[in-house]
Amino acid sequence: MKKIWNWLKTSNRYKHLIGGLVIGLIADDWYCAGLSGVGIASALEYKDKKHGASWDWLDWSITIDGVIIGYGLKWMIVWM
C-alpha cells in the first residue's frame, strides 16, 4: 500500500485522480463526462507544458481513469 501511495504522490497523481472522480460524479451523462474529462485533463497537461514541464501522458490518463471511475460510481448509485 505504501508503494501505491508513493506512486500516487509522484507528480501529484492523486490530485489528477480525485479531480477526475469529481468530474465523473457531477457529470450529467457519459458523453458530458467524457468531453469534460478529456478537455480538463488536456488543459492541465498543457498548463504544465507551458510552465516548462513535459506533457505527461500518465497524469493525463489517470485523470481520464478518475472520470471513468467517478461516472461509474454515479451510475451504480443512480441505477442500482
N, C-alpha and C. Protein backbone atom coordinates (compact mmCIF):
# COMPACT_ATOMS: atom_id res chain seq x y z
N MET A 1 0.82 -1.19 0.00
CA MET A 1 0.00 0.00 0.00
C MET A 1 0.87 1.26 0.00
N LYS A 2 2.00 1.19 0.70
CA LYS A 2 2.88 2.34 0.75
C LYS A 2 3.48 2.64 -0.62
N LYS A 3 3.77 1.61 -1.40
CA LYS A 3 4.30 1.81 -2.75
C LYS A 3 3.27 2.52 -3.63
N ILE A 4 2.02 2.12 -3.49
CA ILE A 4 0.96 2.74 -4.30
C ILE A 4 0.81 4.21 -3.91
N TRP A 5 0.79 4.51 -2.61
CA TRP A 5 0.65 5.89 -2.16
C TRP A 5 1.83 6.73 -2.63
N ASN A 6 3.06 6.20 -2.55
CA ASN A 6 4.23 6.94 -3.02
C ASN A 6 4.14 7.19 -4.52
N TRP A 7 3.64 6.20 -5.28
CA TRP A 7 3.48 6.37 -6.72
C TRP A 7 2.44 7.44 -7.02
N LEU A 8 1.36 7.47 -6.25
CA LEU A 8 0.32 8.48 -6.46
C LEU A 8 0.80 9.88 -6.09
N LYS A 9 1.71 9.99 -5.12
CA LYS A 9 2.22 11.29 -4.73
C LYS A 9 3.18 11.86 -5.77
N THR A 10 3.76 11.01 -6.62
CA THR A 10 4.64 11.47 -7.67
C THR A 10 3.85 12.31 -8.66
N SER A 11 4.33 13.51 -8.93
CA SER A 11 3.71 14.41 -9.91
C SER A 11 2.25 14.71 -9.57
N ASN A 12 1.89 14.64 -8.29
CA ASN A 12 0.53 14.93 -7.82
C ASN A 12 -0.53 14.10 -8.54
N ARG A 13 -0.24 12.84 -8.76
CA ARG A 13 -1.18 11.97 -9.46
C ARG A 13 -2.47 11.80 -8.69
N TYR A 14 -2.41 11.83 -7.36
CA TYR A 14 -3.63 11.69 -6.58
C TYR A 14 -4.57 12.87 -6.83
N LYS A 15 -4.04 14.05 -7.10
CA LYS A 15 -4.89 15.20 -7.41
C LYS A 15 -5.59 15.00 -8.76
N HIS A 16 -4.87 14.43 -9.72
CA HIS A 16 -5.47 14.12 -11.01
C HIS A 16 -6.60 13.11 -10.84
N LEU A 17 -6.37 12.10 -10.03
CA LEU A 17 -7.38 11.06 -9.81
C LEU A 17 -8.60 11.62 -9.10
N ILE A 18 -8.40 12.41 -8.06
CA ILE A 18 -9.52 12.99 -7.31
C ILE A 18 -10.29 13.97 -8.19
N GLY A 19 -9.58 14.79 -8.95
CA GLY A 19 -10.26 15.72 -9.86
C GLY A 19 -11.10 15.00 -10.89
N GLY A 20 -10.57 13.91 -11.44
CA GLY A 20 -11.33 13.11 -12.38
C GLY A 20 -12.55 12.48 -11.74
N LEU A 21 -12.42 12.00 -10.52
CA LEU A 21 -13.56 11.43 -9.80
C LEU A 21 -14.67 12.46 -9.63
N VAL A 22 -14.30 13.67 -9.28
CA VAL A 22 -15.30 14.74 -9.09
C VAL A 22 -16.00 15.05 -10.41
N ILE A 23 -15.23 15.14 -11.48
CA ILE A 23 -15.83 15.40 -12.80
C ILE A 23 -16.82 14.31 -13.14
N GLY A 24 -16.44 13.06 -12.94
CA GLY A 24 -17.33 11.95 -13.24
C GLY A 24 -18.57 11.93 -12.38
N LEU A 25 -18.44 12.31 -11.13
CA LEU A 25 -19.60 12.30 -10.23
C LEU A 25 -20.61 13.40 -10.54
N ILE A 26 -20.16 14.55 -11.02
CA ILE A 26 -21.08 15.64 -11.26
C ILE A 26 -21.57 15.72 -12.71
N ALA A 27 -21.03 14.86 -13.57
CA ALA A 27 -21.44 14.89 -14.99
C ALA A 27 -22.87 14.36 -15.14
N ASP A 28 -23.61 14.95 -16.08
CA ASP A 28 -24.99 14.54 -16.31
C ASP A 28 -25.11 13.25 -17.11
N ASP A 29 -24.23 13.04 -18.06
CA ASP A 29 -24.31 11.87 -18.93
C ASP A 29 -22.90 11.42 -19.28
N TRP A 30 -22.78 10.25 -19.91
CA TRP A 30 -21.45 9.69 -20.20
C TRP A 30 -20.68 10.57 -21.17
N TYR A 31 -21.36 11.16 -22.16
CA TYR A 31 -20.62 11.99 -23.12
C TYR A 31 -20.19 13.31 -22.48
N CYS A 32 -20.98 13.82 -21.55
CA CYS A 32 -20.59 15.02 -20.81
C CYS A 32 -19.34 14.72 -19.96
N ALA A 33 -19.34 13.58 -19.31
CA ALA A 33 -18.19 13.18 -18.50
C ALA A 33 -16.96 13.00 -19.38
N GLY A 34 -17.14 12.35 -20.53
CA GLY A 34 -16.01 12.11 -21.42
C GLY A 34 -15.41 13.39 -21.98
N LEU A 35 -16.27 14.26 -22.51
CA LEU A 35 -15.77 15.51 -23.09
C LEU A 35 -15.15 16.41 -22.03
N SER A 36 -15.79 16.51 -20.89
CA SER A 36 -15.23 17.34 -19.82
C SER A 36 -13.91 16.78 -19.32
N GLY A 37 -13.87 15.47 -19.14
CA GLY A 37 -12.65 14.83 -18.64
C GLY A 37 -11.47 15.00 -19.58
N VAL A 38 -11.71 14.76 -20.86
CA VAL A 38 -10.62 14.91 -21.85
C VAL A 38 -10.18 16.37 -21.93
N GLY A 39 -11.15 17.29 -21.93
CA GLY A 39 -10.81 18.70 -22.01
C GLY A 39 -10.03 19.19 -20.81
N ILE A 40 -10.46 18.82 -19.63
CA ILE A 40 -9.78 19.29 -18.42
C ILE A 40 -8.41 18.62 -18.27
N ALA A 41 -8.33 17.32 -18.57
CA ALA A 41 -7.04 16.63 -18.49
C ALA A 41 -6.04 17.25 -19.47
N SER A 42 -6.51 17.56 -20.67
CA SER A 42 -5.64 18.18 -21.67
C SER A 42 -5.22 19.58 -21.25
N ALA A 43 -6.15 20.34 -20.67
CA ALA A 43 -5.82 21.68 -20.21
C ALA A 43 -4.78 21.64 -19.09
N LEU A 44 -4.90 20.69 -18.18
CA LEU A 44 -3.92 20.57 -17.09
C LEU A 44 -2.53 20.26 -17.64
N GLU A 45 -2.47 19.35 -18.58
CA GLU A 45 -1.16 18.99 -19.14
C GLU A 45 -0.59 20.12 -20.01
N TYR A 46 -1.46 20.85 -20.71
CA TYR A 46 -1.00 22.00 -21.49
C TYR A 46 -0.41 23.06 -20.58
N LYS A 47 -1.07 23.29 -19.42
CA LYS A 47 -0.56 24.25 -18.44
C LYS A 47 0.82 23.82 -17.95
N ASP A 48 0.97 22.54 -17.66
CA ASP A 48 2.28 22.05 -17.21
C ASP A 48 3.34 22.26 -18.28
N LYS A 49 2.97 22.00 -19.53
CA LYS A 49 3.94 22.14 -20.63
C LYS A 49 4.33 23.60 -20.81
N LYS A 50 3.39 24.51 -20.68
CA LYS A 50 3.69 25.93 -20.84
C LYS A 50 4.58 26.45 -19.71
N HIS A 51 4.58 25.78 -18.57
CA HIS A 51 5.40 26.21 -17.44
C HIS A 51 6.72 25.45 -17.36
N GLY A 52 7.09 24.77 -18.45
CA GLY A 52 8.41 24.17 -18.52
C GLY A 52 8.47 22.67 -18.34
N ALA A 53 7.41 22.04 -17.89
CA ALA A 53 7.42 20.58 -17.71
C ALA A 53 7.05 19.93 -19.05
N SER A 54 7.24 18.66 -19.12
CA SER A 54 6.87 17.94 -20.35
C SER A 54 5.44 17.39 -20.20
N TRP A 55 4.84 17.09 -21.33
CA TRP A 55 3.50 16.51 -21.34
C TRP A 55 3.59 15.12 -20.72
N ASP A 56 2.80 14.87 -19.72
CA ASP A 56 2.84 13.59 -19.00
C ASP A 56 1.57 12.80 -19.32
N TRP A 57 1.71 11.82 -20.20
CA TRP A 57 0.57 11.01 -20.61
C TRP A 57 0.01 10.20 -19.45
N LEU A 58 0.84 9.87 -18.50
CA LEU A 58 0.37 9.10 -17.34
C LEU A 58 -0.58 9.95 -16.49
N ASP A 59 -0.21 11.20 -16.23
CA ASP A 59 -1.11 12.09 -15.49
C ASP A 59 -2.41 12.29 -16.27
N TRP A 60 -2.32 12.45 -17.57
CA TRP A 60 -3.50 12.64 -18.41
C TRP A 60 -4.42 11.43 -18.31
N SER A 61 -3.83 10.23 -18.41
CA SER A 61 -4.66 9.02 -18.37
C SER A 61 -5.23 8.76 -16.97
N ILE A 62 -4.53 9.16 -15.92
CA ILE A 62 -5.06 9.00 -14.57
C ILE A 62 -6.27 9.90 -14.37
N THR A 63 -6.23 11.10 -14.94
CA THR A 63 -7.40 11.98 -14.87
C THR A 63 -8.59 11.34 -15.57
N ILE A 64 -8.36 10.79 -16.75
CA ILE A 64 -9.43 10.12 -17.50
C ILE A 64 -9.95 8.90 -16.73
N ASP A 65 -9.03 8.14 -16.14
CA ASP A 65 -9.44 6.98 -15.33
C ASP A 65 -10.32 7.42 -14.16
N GLY A 66 -9.96 8.54 -13.53
CA GLY A 66 -10.78 9.06 -12.44
C GLY A 66 -12.18 9.43 -12.91
N VAL A 67 -12.28 10.00 -14.11
CA VAL A 67 -13.60 10.34 -14.67
C VAL A 67 -14.42 9.07 -14.88
N ILE A 68 -13.79 8.05 -15.43
CA ILE A 68 -14.49 6.78 -15.68
C ILE A 68 -14.97 6.16 -14.36
N ILE A 69 -14.11 6.15 -13.37
CA ILE A 69 -14.47 5.58 -12.07
C ILE A 69 -15.59 6.41 -11.43
N GLY A 70 -15.45 7.74 -11.47
CA GLY A 70 -16.45 8.61 -10.87
C GLY A 70 -17.80 8.47 -11.54
N TYR A 71 -17.83 8.43 -12.86
CA TYR A 71 -19.11 8.27 -13.54
C TYR A 71 -19.67 6.87 -13.30
N GLY A 72 -18.81 5.88 -13.22
CA GLY A 72 -19.27 4.52 -12.91
C GLY A 72 -19.91 4.44 -11.54
N LEU A 73 -19.31 5.10 -10.55
CA LEU A 73 -19.91 5.15 -9.21
C LEU A 73 -21.26 5.84 -9.22
N LYS A 74 -21.34 6.97 -9.95
CA LYS A 74 -22.61 7.68 -10.04
C LYS A 74 -23.66 6.81 -10.70
N TRP A 75 -23.29 6.14 -11.76
CA TRP A 75 -24.23 5.27 -12.47
C TRP A 75 -24.74 4.16 -11.56
N MET A 76 -23.83 3.54 -10.79
CA MET A 76 -24.24 2.48 -9.88
C MET A 76 -25.17 3.00 -8.79
N ILE A 77 -24.91 4.20 -8.28
CA ILE A 77 -25.75 4.77 -7.23
C ILE A 77 -27.14 5.09 -7.78
N VAL A 78 -27.19 5.68 -8.94
CA VAL A 78 -28.47 6.12 -9.50
C VAL A 78 -29.30 4.96 -10.03
N TRP A 79 -28.70 4.02 -10.69
CA TRP A 79 -29.44 2.98 -11.41
C TRP A 79 -29.53 1.65 -10.67
N MET A 80 -28.90 1.51 -9.55
CA MET A 80 -28.96 0.23 -8.86
C MET A 80 -29.74 0.31 -7.60
